PDB file of N, CA and C in Angstrom:
ATOM      1  N   ASN A   1     -11.453 -13.695 -28.063  1.00  0.00           N
ATOM      2  CA  ASN A   1     -12.027 -15.507 -27.857  1.00  0.00           C
ATOM      3  C   ASN A   1     -12.226 -15.803 -26.273  1.00  0.00           C
ATOM      4  N   LEU A   2     -13.121 -15.402 -25.810  1.00  0.00           N
ATOM      5  CA  LEU A   2     -13.085 -15.577 -24.459  1.00  0.00           C
ATOM      6  C   LEU A   2     -13.445 -16.517 -24.225  1.00  0.00           C
ATOM      7  N   PRO A   3     -13.039 -17.660 -23.402  1.00  0.00           N
ATOM      8  CA  PRO A   3     -13.496 -18.681 -22.982  1.00  0.00           C
ATOM      9  C   PRO A   3     -15.142 -19.030 -22.283  1.00  0.00           C
ATOM     10  N   LEU A   4     -16.446 -19.956 -23.299  1.00  0.00           N
ATOM     11  CA  LEU A   4     -17.353 -20.552 -22.656  1.00  0.00           C
ATOM     12  C   LEU A   4     -17.925 -21.408 -21.768  1.00  0.00           C
ATOM     13  N   LYS A   5     -18.345 -21.245 -20.763  1.00  0.00           N
ATOM     14  CA  LYS A   5     -18.536 -22.152 -19.772  1.00  0.00           C
ATOM     15  C   LYS A   5     -20.092 -23.067 -20.323  1.00  0.00           C
ATOM     16  N   ASP A   6     -20.647 -22.221 -21.391  1.00  0.00           N
ATOM     17  CA  ASP A   6     -21.989 -22.657 -22.029  1.00  0.00           C
ATOM     18  C   ASP A   6     -22.175 -21.855 -23.346  1.00  0.00           C
ATOM     19  N   PRO A   7     -21.993 -22.890 -24.038  1.00  0.00           N
ATOM     20  CA  PRO A   7     -22.381 -22.466 -25.474  1.00  0.00           C
ATOM     21  C   PRO A   7     -23.013 -21.361 -25.345  1.00  0.00           C
ATOM     22  N   SER A   8     -24.212 -21.799 -25.155  1.00  0.00           N
ATOM     23  CA  SER A   8     -25.381 -20.860 -25.201  1.00  0.00           C
ATOM     24  C   SER A   8     -25.836 -19.890 -24.578  1.00  0.00           C
ATOM     25  N   ASP A   9     -24.911 -19.348 -23.834  1.00  0.00           N
ATOM     26  CA  ASP A   9     -24.991 -18.015 -22.740  1.00  0.00           C
ATOM     27  C   ASP A   9     -23.441 -17.211 -23.680  1.00  0.00           C
ATOM     28  N   ILE A  10     -24.011 -16.412 -24.049  1.00  0.00           N
ATOM     29  CA  ILE A  10     -22.935 -15.706 -24.426  1.00  0.00           C
ATOM     30  C   ILE A  10     -22.501 -14.618 -23.105  1.00  0.00           C
ATOM     31  N   PRO A  11     -21.472 -14.035 -23.248  1.00  0.00           N
ATOM     32  CA  PRO A  11     -20.876 -13.259 -22.169  1.00  0.00           C
ATOM     33  C   PRO A  11     -21.478 -11.522 -21.747  1.00  0.00           C
ATOM     34  N   ASP A  12     -21.806 -10.788 -21.480  1.00  0.00           N
ATOM     35  CA  ASP A  12     -21.525  -9.384 -21.583  1.00  0.00           C
ATOM     36  C   ASP A  12     -20.355  -8.841 -20.785  1.00  0.00           C
ATOM     37  N   PRO A  13     -19.076  -9.038 -21.189  1.00  0.00           N
ATOM     38  CA  PRO A  13     -17.900  -8.927 -20.643  1.00  0.00           C
ATOM     39  C   PRO A  13     -17.725  -7.620 -20.679  1.00  0.00           C
ATOM     40  N   TYR A  14     -16.847  -7.302 -19.479  1.00  0.00           N
ATOM     41  CA  TYR A  14     -16.304  -6.038 -19.069  1.00  0.00           C
ATOM     42  C   TYR A  14     -14.799  -6.387 -18.214  1.00  0.00           C
ATOM     43  N   VAL A  15     -13.973  -5.269 -18.452  1.00  0.00           N
ATOM     44  CA  VAL A  15     -12.858  -5.704 -17.437  1.00  0.00           C
ATOM     45  C   VAL A  15     -12.967  -4.588 -16.142  1.00  0.00           C
ATOM     46  N   LYS A  16     -12.269  -5.472 -14.924  1.00  0.00           N
ATOM     47  CA  LYS A  16     -11.925  -4.502 -13.929  1.00  0.00           C
ATOM     48  C   LYS A  16     -10.422  -4.516 -13.661  1.00  0.00           C
ATOM     49  N   LEU A  17     -10.215  -3.298 -13.182  1.00  0.00           N
ATOM     50  CA  LEU A  17      -8.632  -3.022 -13.233  1.00  0.00           C
ATOM     51  C   LEU A  17      -8.584  -2.841 -11.887  1.00  0.00           C
ATOM     52  N   LYS A  18      -7.749  -3.338 -11.039  1.00  0.00           N
ATOM     53  CA  LYS A  18      -6.933  -3.158  -9.827  1.00  0.00           C
ATOM     54  C   LYS A  18      -5.447  -3.098  -9.799  1.00  0.00           C
ATOM     55  N   LEU A  19      -5.412  -1.944  -9.253  1.00  0.00           N
ATOM     56  CA  LEU A  19      -3.923  -1.509  -9.382  1.00  0.00           C
ATOM     57  C   LEU A  19      -3.277  -1.298  -7.818  1.00  0.00           C
ATOM     58  N   VAL A  20      -2.577  -2.372  -7.853  1.00  0.00           N
ATOM     59  CA  VAL A  20      -1.828  -2.547  -6.136  1.00  0.00           C
ATOM     60  C   VAL A  20      -0.507  -2.212  -6.139  1.00  0.00           C
ATOM     61  N   THR A  21      -0.228  -1.353  -5.048  1.00  0.00           N
ATOM     62  CA  THR A  21       0.728  -1.058  -4.531  1.00  0.00           C
ATOM     63  C   THR A  21       0.907  -1.121  -3.045  1.00  0.00           C
ATOM     64  N   PRO A  22       2.228  -1.643  -2.811  1.00  0.00           N
ATOM     65  CA  PRO A  22       2.056  -2.089  -1.546  1.00  0.00           C
ATOM     66  C   PRO A  22       2.399  -0.714  -0.743  1.00  0.00           C
ATOM     67  N   GLY A  23       1.659  -1.036   0.723  1.00  0.00           N
ATOM     68  CA  GLY A  23       1.951   0.620   1.336  1.00  0.00           C
ATOM     69  C   GLY A  23       0.546   1.488   0.910  1.00  0.00           C
ATOM     70  N   SER A  24      -0.062   0.844   0.300  1.00  0.00           N
ATOM     71  CA  SER A  24      -0.935   2.410  -0.749  1.00  0.00           C
ATOM     72  C   SER A  24      -2.533   1.517  -0.988  1.00  0.00           C
ATOM     73  N   ASN A  25      -2.909   2.032  -0.936  1.00  0.00           N
ATOM     74  CA  ASN A  25      -4.796   1.480  -1.027  1.00  0.00           C
ATOM     75  C   ASN A  25      -4.578   1.402  -2.552  1.00  0.00           C
ATOM     76  N   SER A  26      -5.531   0.433  -2.554  1.00  0.00           N
ATOM     77  CA  SER A  26      -5.550   0.095  -4.084  1.00  0.00           C
ATOM     78  C   SER A  26      -6.924   0.745  -5.188  1.00  0.00           C
ATOM     79  N   VAL A  27      -6.322   0.778  -6.476  1.00  0.00           N
ATOM     80  CA  VAL A  27      -6.655   1.679  -7.451  1.00  0.00           C
ATOM     81  C   VAL A  27      -7.654   1.013  -8.132  1.00  0.00           C
ATOM     82  N   LYS A  28      -9.297   1.217  -8.052  1.00  0.00           N
ATOM     83  CA  LYS A  28      -9.985   0.613  -8.999  1.00  0.00           C
ATOM     84  C   LYS A  28     -10.898   1.084 -10.292  1.00  0.00           C
ATOM     85  N   ASN A  29     -10.578   0.719 -11.191  1.00  0.00           N
ATOM     86  CA  ASN A  29     -11.957   0.933 -12.897  1.00  0.00           C
ATOM     87  C   ASN A  29     -12.153  -0.169 -13.368  1.00  0.00           C
ATOM     88  N   LYS A  30     -13.178   0.229 -14.334  1.00  0.00           N
ATOM     89  CA  LYS A  30     -13.567  -0.474 -14.754  1.00  0.00           C
ATOM     90  C   LYS A  30     -14.125  -0.413 -16.245  1.00  0.00           C
ATOM     91  N   THR A  31     -14.499  -1.151 -17.225  1.00  0.00           N
ATOM     92  CA  THR A  31     -14.324  -0.276 -18.373  1.00  0.00           C
ATOM     93  C   THR A  31     -16.123  -0.941 -18.486  1.00  0.00           C
ATOM     94  N   LYS A  32     -16.318  -0.391 -20.087  1.00  0.00           N
ATOM     95  CA  LYS A  32     -17.744  -0.681 -19.778  1.00  0.00           C
ATOM     96  C   LYS A  32     -18.047  -2.012 -20.678  1.00  0.00           C
ATOM     97  N   VAL A  33     -18.956  -2.425 -20.458  1.00  0.00           N
ATOM     98  CA  VAL A  33     -20.123  -3.856 -21.083  1.00  0.00           C
ATOM     99  C   VAL A  33     -20.312  -4.051 -22.038  1.00  0.00           C
ATOM    100  N   VAL A  34     -19.600  -4.796 -22.872  1.00  0.00           N
ATOM    101  CA  VAL A  34     -20.109  -4.876 -24.490  1.00  0.00           C
ATOM    102  C   VAL A  34     -20.652  -6.488 -24.115  1.00  0.00           C
ATOM    103  N   PRO A  35     -22.134  -5.576 -24.772  1.00  0.00           N
ATOM    104  CA  PRO A  35     -22.826  -6.571 -24.024  1.00  0.00           C
ATOM    105  C   PRO A  35     -23.029  -7.938 -25.876  1.00  0.00           C
ATOM    106  N   ASP A  36     -23.464  -9.455 -25.165  1.00  0.00           N
ATOM    107  CA  ASP A  36     -23.580 -10.560 -26.003  1.00  0.00           C
ATOM    108  C   ASP A  36     -22.389 -10.663 -27.246  1.00  0.00           C
ATOM    109  N   ASN A  37     -20.947 -10.652 -26.202  1.00  0.00           N
ATOM    110  CA  ASN A  37     -19.602 -10.982 -27.318  1.00  0.00           C
ATOM    111  C   ASN A  37     -18.839 -11.477 -26.184  1.00  0.00           C
ATOM    112  N   CYS A  38     -18.557 -12.587 -27.581  1.00  0.00           N
ATOM    113  CA  CYS A  38     -16.659 -13.495 -26.697  1.00  0.00           C
ATOM    114  C   CYS A  38     -16.472 -12.956 -27.493  1.00  0.00           C
ATOM    115  N   ASP A  39     -15.670 -11.666 -28.523  1.00  0.00           N
ATOM    116  CA  ASP A  39     -14.349 -10.879 -28.871  1.00  0.00           C
ATOM    117  C   ASP A  39     -14.891  -9.852 -28.360  1.00  0.00           C
ATOM    118  N   PRO A  40     -14.834  -9.266 -27.352  1.00  0.00           N
ATOM    119  CA  PRO A  40     -14.721  -7.967 -27.079  1.00  0.00           C
ATOM    120  C   PRO A  40     -13.521  -7.090 -27.815  1.00  0.00           C
ATOM    121  N   VAL A  41     -13.793  -5.500 -27.859  1.00  0.00           N
ATOM    122  CA  VAL A  41     -13.015  -5.027 -28.075  1.00  0.00           C
ATOM    123  C   VAL A  41     -12.748  -4.163 -27.082  1.00  0.00           C
ATOM    124  N   PHE A  42     -11.854  -3.227 -26.166  1.00  0.00           N
ATOM    125  CA  PHE A  42     -12.249  -2.218 -25.235  1.00  0.00           C
ATOM    126  C   PHE A  42     -11.294  -1.032 -25.678  1.00  0.00           C
ATOM    127  N   GLU A  43     -11.875  -0.181 -26.415  1.00  0.00           N
ATOM    128  CA  GLU A  43     -10.889   1.210 -26.507  1.00  0.00           C
ATOM    129  C   GLU A  43     -11.563   1.866 -25.527  1.00  0.00           C
ATOM    130  N   GLU A  44     -10.264   1.531 -24.286  1.00  0.00           N
ATOM    131  CA  GLU A  44     -10.664   2.577 -23.550  1.00  0.00           C
ATOM    132  C   GLU A  44      -9.563   2.944 -22.694  1.00  0.00           C
ATOM    133  N   THR A  45      -8.922   3.842 -22.152  1.00  0.00           N
ATOM    134  CA  THR A  45      -7.385   4.286 -21.638  1.00  0.00           C
ATOM    135  C   THR A  45      -8.153   4.952 -19.961  1.00  0.00           C
ATOM    136  N   PHE A  46      -6.653   4.046 -19.020  1.00  0.00           N
ATOM    137  CA  PHE A  46      -7.047   4.237 -17.953  1.00  0.00           C
ATOM    138  C   PHE A  46      -5.410   4.637 -17.534  1.00  0.00           C
ATOM    139  N   GLU A  47      -5.225   6.114 -16.940  1.00  0.00           N
ATOM    140  CA  GLU A  47      -4.407   6.407 -16.571  1.00  0.00           C
ATOM    141  C   GLU A  47      -4.001   6.774 -14.868  1.00  0.00           C
ATOM    142  N   TYR A  48      -2.743   5.935 -14.447  1.00  0.00           N
ATOM    143  CA  TYR A  48      -2.376   6.144 -12.989  1.00  0.00           C
ATOM    144  C   TYR A  48      -0.905   6.812 -13.021  1.00  0.00           C
ATOM    145  N   LEU A  49      -0.824   8.067 -12.023  1.00  0.00           N
ATOM    146  CA  LEU A  49       0.354   9.206 -11.933  1.00  0.00           C
ATOM    147  C   LEU A  49       1.249   8.085 -10.720  1.00  0.00           C
ATOM    148  N   LEU A  50       1.956   7.625 -11.630  1.00  0.00           N
ATOM    149  CA  LEU A  50       3.025   6.742 -10.385  1.00  0.00           C
ATOM    150  C   LEU A  50       5.004   6.969 -10.913  1.00  0.00           C
ATOM    151  N   SER A  51       5.719   7.479  -9.971  1.00  0.00           N
ATOM    152  CA  SER A  51       7.056   7.604 -10.589  1.00  0.00           C
ATOM    153  C   SER A  51       7.408   6.224 -10.480  1.00  0.00           C
ATOM    154  N   MET A  52       8.528   5.682 -11.402  1.00  0.00           N
ATOM    155  CA  MET A  52       9.197   4.950 -12.092  1.00  0.00           C
ATOM    156  C   MET A  52       9.127   3.664 -10.703  1.00  0.00           C
ATOM    157  N   SER A  53       9.889   4.652  -9.096  1.00  0.00           N
ATOM    158  CA  SER A  53      10.039   3.017  -8.428  1.00  0.00           C
ATOM    159  C   SER A  53       9.019   2.611  -8.011  1.00  0.00           C
ATOM    160  N   GLU A  54       7.654   3.770  -8.201  1.00  0.00           N
ATOM    161  CA  GLU A  54       6.655   3.030  -7.529  1.00  0.00           C
ATOM    162  C   GLU A  54       6.129   2.236  -8.793  1.00  0.00           C
ATOM    163  N   LEU A  55       6.102   2.164  -9.890  1.00  0.00           N
ATOM    164  CA  LEU A  55       6.087   1.167 -10.783  1.00  0.00           C
ATOM    165  C   LEU A  55       6.699   0.158 -10.882  1.00  0.00           C
ATOM    166  N   ARG A  56       7.907   0.047 -10.413  1.00  0.00           N
ATOM    167  CA  ARG A  56       8.220  -1.118 -10.534  1.00  0.00           C
ATOM    168  C   ARG A  56       7.825  -2.106  -9.096  1.00  0.00           C
ATOM    169  N   THR A  57       7.152  -1.765  -8.443  1.00  0.00           N
ATOM    170  CA  THR A  57       6.847  -2.077  -7.076  1.00  0.00           C
ATOM    171  C   THR A  57       5.425  -1.925  -7.236  1.00  0.00           C
ATOM    172  N   CYS A  58       4.662  -2.210  -8.681  1.00  0.00           N
ATOM    173  CA  CYS A  58       2.838  -2.721  -8.640  1.00  0.00           C
ATOM    174  C   CYS A  58       3.179  -3.769  -9.238  1.00  0.00           C
ATOM    175  N   LYS A  59       1.395  -3.780  -9.480  1.00  0.00           N
ATOM    176  CA  LYS A  59       0.871  -5.002 -10.134  1.00  0.00           C
ATOM    177  C   LYS A  59      -0.384  -4.894 -10.433  1.00  0.00           C
ATOM    178  N   LEU A  60      -0.813  -5.258 -11.327  1.00  0.00           N
ATOM    179  CA  LEU A  60      -1.804  -4.329 -12.372  1.00  0.00           C
ATOM    180  C   LEU A  60      -2.927  -5.655 -12.849  1.00  0.00           C
ATOM    181  N   ILE A  61      -3.831  -6.681 -12.075  1.00  0.00           N
ATOM    182  CA  ILE A  61      -5.025  -7.389 -11.731  1.00  0.00           C
ATOM    183  C   ILE A  61      -6.116  -7.293 -12.512  1.00  0.00           C
ATOM    184  N   LEU A  62      -6.016  -7.641 -14.005  1.00  0.00           N
ATOM    185  CA  LEU A  62      -7.217  -7.752 -15.141  1.00  0.00           C
ATOM    186  C   LEU A  62      -8.226  -8.505 -14.722  1.00  0.00           C
ATOM    187  N   THR A  63      -9.265  -8.759 -14.302  1.00  0.00           N
ATOM    188  CA  THR A  63      -9.965  -9.332 -14.355  1.00  0.00           C
ATOM    189  C   THR A  63     -11.414  -9.368 -15.204  1.00  0.00           C
ATOM    190  N   VAL A  64     -11.502 -10.268 -16.179  1.00  0.00           N
ATOM    191  CA  VAL A  64     -12.319 -10.388 -17.422  1.00  0.00           C
ATOM    192  C   VAL A  64     -14.051 -10.641 -16.678  1.00  0.00           C
ATOM    193  N   LYS A  65     -15.190  -9.970 -16.310  1.00  0.00           N
ATOM    194  CA  LYS A  65     -16.277 -10.813 -15.671  1.00  0.00           C
ATOM    195  C   LYS A  65     -17.192 -10.631 -17.016  1.00  0.00           C
ATOM    196  N   SER A  66     -18.021 -11.032 -16.944  1.00  0.00           N
ATOM    197  CA  SER A  66     -19.788 -11.247 -17.543  1.00  0.00           C
ATOM    198  C   SER A  66     -20.786 -10.050 -16.307  1.00  0.00           C
ATOM    199  N   LYS A  67     -21.378  -9.230 -16.974  1.00  0.00           N
ATOM    200  CA  LYS A  67     -22.458  -8.872 -16.507  1.00  0.00           C
ATOM    201  C   LYS A  67     -23.534  -9.932 -16.261  1.00  0.00           C
ATOM    202  N   LYS A  68     -23.638 -11.099 -16.691  1.00  0.00           N
ATOM    203  CA  LYS A  68     -24.741 -12.223 -16.599  1.00  0.00           C
ATOM    204  C   LYS A  68     -23.878 -13.076 -15.861  1.00  0.00           C
ATOM    205  N   VAL A  69     -24.291 -13.828 -14.717  1.00  0.00           N
ATOM    206  CA  VAL A  69     -23.478 -14.662 -13.772  1.00  0.00           C
ATOM    207  C   VAL A  69     -24.175 -16.355 -14.375  1.00  0.00           C
ATOM    208  N   PHE A  70     -22.895 -16.745 -14.228  1.00  0.00           N
ATOM    209  CA  PHE A  70     -22.696 -18.214 -14.934  1.00  0.00           C
ATOM    210  C   PHE A  70     -22.554 -19.159 -13.818  1.00  0.00           C
ATOM    211  N   PHE A  71     -22.639 -20.334 -13.586  1.00  0.00           N
ATOM    212  CA  PHE A  71     -22.677 -20.930 -12.516  1.00  0.00           C
ATOM    213  C   PHE A  71     -22.438 -19.859 -11.572  1.00  0.00           C
ATOM    214  N   ASN A  72     -23.022 -19.220 -10.714  1.00  0.00           N
ATOM    215  CA  ASN A  72     -22.718 -18.919  -9.585  1.00  0.00           C
ATOM    216  C   ASN A  72     -21.361 -17.623  -9.594  1.00  0.00           C
ATOM    217  N   SER A  73     -20.901 -18.094 -10.613  1.00  0.00           N
ATOM    218  CA  SER A  73     -19.346 -16.908 -10.981  1.00  0.00           C
ATOM    219  C   SER A  73     -19.763 -15.973 -12.151  1.00  0.00           C
ATOM    220  N   ASN A  74     -19.688 -14.561 -11.800  1.00  0.00           N
ATOM    221  CA  ASN A  74     -19.346 -14.320 -13.012  1.00  0.00           C
ATOM    222  C   ASN A  74     -17.929 -13.575 -13.952  1.00  0.00           C
ATOM    223  N   VAL A  75     -17.148 -14.394 -13.293  1.00  0.00           N
ATOM    224  CA  VAL A  75     -15.439 -13.994 -13.354  1.00  0.00           C
ATOM    225  C   VAL A  75     -15.099 -15.024 -15.043  1.00  0.00           C
ATOM    226  N   ILE A  76     -14.757 -14.637 -15.679  1.00  0.00           N
ATOM    227  CA  ILE A  76     -14.581 -15.308 -17.116  1.00  0.00           C
ATOM    228  C   ILE A  76     -12.765 -15.771 -16.814  1.00  0.00           C
ATOM    229  N   GLY A  77     -11.819 -14.557 -16.182  1.00  0.00           N
ATOM    230  CA  GLY A  77     -10.629 -14.829 -16.466  1.00  0.00           C
ATOM    231  C   GLY A  77      -9.761 -13.486 -15.567  1.00  0.00           C
ATOM    232  N   GLN A  78      -8.274 -13.812 -15.889  1.00  0.00           N
ATOM    233  CA  GLN A  78      -7.902 -12.694 -15.124  1.00  0.00           C
ATOM    234  C   GLN A  78      -6.325 -13.031 -15.806  1.00  0.00           C
ATOM    235  N   VAL A  79      -5.894 -11.472 -15.528  1.00  0.00           N
ATOM    236  CA  VAL A  79      -4.218 -11.533 -16.358  1.00  0.00           C
ATOM    237  C   VAL A  79      -3.608 -10.618 -14.761  1.00  0.00           C
ATOM    238  N   ILE A  80      -3.006 -10.898 -14.166  1.00  0.00           N
ATOM    239  CA  ILE A  80      -1.338 -10.100 -13.366  1.00  0.00           C
ATOM    240  C   ILE A  80      -0.657  -9.873 -14.249  1.00  0.00           C
ATOM    241  N   ILE A  81      -0.226  -8.775 -14.158  1.00  0.00           N
ATOM    242  CA  ILE A  81       1.100  -8.300 -14.997  1.00  0.00           C
ATOM    243  C   ILE A  81       1.656  -7.632 -13.342  1.00  0.00           C
ATOM    244  N   ASN A  82       2.810  -7.914 -13.263  1.00  0.00           N
ATOM    245  CA  ASN A  82       4.220  -7.328 -12.025  1.00  0.00           C
ATOM    246  C   ASN A  82       4.814  -6.873 -13.412  1.00  0.00           C
ATOM    247  N   PHE A  83       4.957  -5.718 -12.633  1.00  0.00           N
ATOM    248  CA  PHE A  83       5.851  -4.270 -13.735  1.00  0.00           C
ATOM    249  C   PHE A  83       7.553  -4.889 -13.094  1.00  0.00           C
ATOM    250  N   LYS A  84       7.436  -5.195 -12.066  1.00  0.00           N
ATOM    251  CA  LYS A  84       9.052  -5.377 -11.753  1.00  0.00           C
ATOM    252  C   LYS A  84       9.690  -6.629 -12.823  1.00  0.00           C
ATOM    253  N   THR A  85       9.026  -6.891 -13.434  1.00  0.00           N
ATOM    254  CA  THR A  85       9.329  -8.344 -14.427  1.00  0.00           C
ATOM    255  C   THR A  85      10.047  -7.568 -15.962  1.00  0.00           C
ATOM    256  N   PHE A  86       9.154  -6.520 -16.113  1.00  0.00           N
ATOM    257  CA  PHE A  86       9.915  -5.739 -17.479  1.00  0.00           C
ATOM    258  C   PHE A  86      10.694  -4.897 -17.484  1.00  0.00           C
ATOM    259  N   HIS A  87      11.766  -5.124 -18.234  1.00  0.00           N
ATOM    260  CA  HIS A  87      13.020  -4.569 -18.115  1.00  0.00           C
ATOM    261  C   HIS A  87      13.089  -2.593 -18.322  1.00  0.00           C
ATOM    262  N   ASP A  88      12.421  -2.526 -19.394  1.00  0.00           N
ATOM    263  CA  ASP A  88      12.278  -1.232 -19.841  1.00  0.00           C
ATOM    264  C   ASP A  88      10.466  -0.722 -19.723  1.00  0.00           C
ATOM    265  N   LEU A  89      10.586   0.526 -18.605  1.00  0.00           N
ATOM    266  CA  LEU A  89       9.347   1.061 -18.603  1.00  0.00           C
ATOM    267  C   LEU A  89       8.654   2.195 -19.568  1.00  0.00           C
ATOM    268  N   GLN A  90      10.216   2.664 -19.698  1.00  0.00           N
ATOM    269  CA  GLN A  90       9.960   4.287 -20.644  1.00  0.00           C
ATOM    270  C   GLN A  90       9.443   3.816 -21.876  1.00  0.00           C
ATOM    271  N   GLU A  91       9.010   2.756 -22.359  1.00  0.00           N
ATOM    272  CA  GLU A  91       8.401   2.649 -23.622  1.00  0.00           C
ATOM    273  C   GLU A  91       7.012   1.925 -23.513  1.00  0.00           C
ATOM    274  N   PRO A  92       6.234   2.307 -24.243  1.00  0.00           N
ATOM    275  CA  PRO A  92       4.727   1.811 -24.519  1.00  0.00           C
ATOM    276  C   PRO A  92       5.264  -0.169 -23.941  1.00  0.00           C
ATOM    277  N   LEU A  93       4.221  -0.896 -23.338  1.00  0.00           N
ATOM    278  CA  LEU A  93       3.836  -2.221 -23.491  1.00  0.00           C
ATOM    279  C   LEU A  93       2.821  -2.472 -23.976  1.00  0.00           C
ATOM    280  N   ARG A  94       3.909  -3.347 -25.273  1.00  0.00           N
ATOM    281  CA  ARG A  94       2.022  -3.941 -26.325  1.00  0.00           C
ATOM    282  C   ARG A  94       2.698  -5.399 -25.990  1.00  0.00           C
ATOM    283  N   GLU A  95       1.601  -6.226 -25.344  1.00  0.00           N
ATOM    284  CA  GLU A  95       2.454  -7.426 -24.985  1.00  0.00           C
ATOM    285  C   GLU A  95       0.605  -8.403 -25.195  1.00  0.00           C
ATOM    286  N   TRP A  96       0.585  -9.828 -25.360  1.00  0.00           N
ATOM    287  CA  TRP A  96      -0.825 -10.077 -25.000  1.00  0.00           C
ATOM    288  C   TRP A  96       0.154 -11.276 -23.805  1.00  0.00           C
ATOM    289  N   PHE A  97      -1.754 -11.203 -23.182  1.00  0.00           N
ATOM    290  CA  PHE A  97      -1.347 -12.055 -21.788  1.00  0.00           C
ATOM    291  C   PHE A  97      -2.622 -12.993 -21.810  1.00  0.00           C
ATOM    292  N   GLU A  98      -2.097 -14.540 -21.672  1.00  0.00           N
ATOM    293  CA  GLU A  98      -3.476 -15.635 -21.835  1.00  0.00           C
ATOM    294  C   GLU A  98      -4.238 -14.903 -20.776  1.00  0.00           C
ATOM    295  N   LEU A  99      -5.693 -15.285 -20.496  1.00  0.00           N
ATOM    296  CA  LEU A  99      -6.396 -15.355 -19.469  1.00  0.00           C
ATOM    297  C   LEU A  99      -6.423 -16.143 -18.326  1.00  0.00           C
ATOM    298  N   THR A 100      -6.173 -16.417 -17.254  1.00  0.00           N
ATOM    299  CA  THR A 100      -5.966 -17.526 -16.385  1.00  0.00           C
ATOM    300  C   THR A 100      -7.363 -18.041 -15.542  1.00  0.00           C
ATOM    301  N   VAL A 101      -7.587 -19.131 -15.058  1.00  0.00           N
ATOM    302  CA  VAL A 101      -8.683 -18.675 -14.150  1.00  0.00           C
ATOM    303  C   VAL A 101      -8.456 -17.954 -12.827  1.00  0.00           C
ATOM    304  N   ALA A 102     -10.014 -17.190 -12.393  1.00  0.00           N
ATOM    305  CA  ALA A 102      -9.485 -16.627 -11.504  1.00  0.00           C
ATOM    306  C   ALA A 102     -10.610 -16.664 -10.528  1.00  0.00           C
ATOM    307  N   GLN A 103     -10.359 -16.308  -9.569  1.00  0.00           N
ATOM    308  CA  GLN A 103     -11.383 -16.657  -8.242  1.00  0.00           C
ATOM    309  C   GLN A 103     -12.591 -15.185  -8.368  1.00  0.00           C
ATOM    310  N   ASP A 104     -13.453 -14.778  -7.935  1.00  0.00           N
ATOM    311  CA  ASP A 104     -14.602 -13.641  -7.990  1.00  0.00           C
ATOM    312  C   ASP A 104     -13.735 -13.244  -6.484  1.00  0.00           C
ATOM    313  N   SER A 105     -13.357 -11.618  -6.935  1.00  0.00           N
ATOM    314  CA  SER A 105     -13.087 -11.006  -5.810  1.00  0.00           C
ATOM    315  C   SER A 105     -13.214  -9.591  -6.414  1.00  0.00           C
ATOM    316  N   ASP A 106     -12.951  -8.351  -5.736  1.00  0.00           N
ATOM    317  CA  ASP A 106     -13.327  -7.039  -6.143  1.00  0.00           C
ATOM    318  C   ASP A 106     -11.953  -6.407  -6.247  1.00  0.00           C
TER     319      ASP A 106
END
């Protein structure tokens, strides 16, 4: 249920992923575009090779964008996952995160 800025404009959403590690270059990926969809499912996997100590210092920025540009911005929302807040990183993370307002950034 992606938020719509204009109900008549259905987005073409995709997700940009940015893994930020202190002292290293950020690693960027993006999903495929799901055309004309307010409830997209992205069945894609991205793998990052990190030690547990590196992972605890990282954050993953997920920015949902639309290929179509609405009101001078194609950003729909953003989630920032800070891994130091999770206790057990040995187990898969199954969590829902709410999209927040985001600035258009790469």
